[in-house]
Amino acid sequence: MIALEALKGRLVDGLLEVQKEEGYVARERFIFNRGATDEQLALLPAWTADDYQAFLRQHNGAKLFQHETLSYNDGFELFSIEDCLTYSEIWECPENFLAIGAGPDGEWIVYEMNRRQEIGSGVGNFLISRNGKKTQCRLASSDGSTT
């Protein structure tokens, strides 16, 4: 939450100057929803990570790096609890995965809530979408093994 508070501290009227490709500087808008209620948080699966629940308690969704005028959707969306549950079902996320957002080009942002005690770094699973097909991928750990 320290990084989130630092980001919010840099915003001026919800805007931040961001250097884009080829040195272009744009003013991007950040919109943070009101926090979730206890009733809304209770709708999440029991395995939802504490840190993610803490974010939702503070901001039940957000829009990040949006065009200054909001004339088109080119940024990232972090879903509200209702949208997390809806998109997790639509995207057919496996158990312990929760759809938490979408990127500017339609990328899925999916959080693995599995709290297994693993040794090594870089271990994890994620879902990607290519041409409308879902694929579960595995990341190799630093020793080359996969999970």
Foldseek 3Di string as FASTA:
>chain_A
DVVVVVVVVQDDVQWDWDQDPPRDIAIFGKFFAAADDPVLLVPDPPLADPVVNVSNRHGQKMWTRAHPVNPDRQAKIFHGSVVQVVVCVVVVPDPQKTFGIAGRVGWTDIDRSDPDDDPFPFWDWDWTADPRDIDIDTTAGPVRHTD
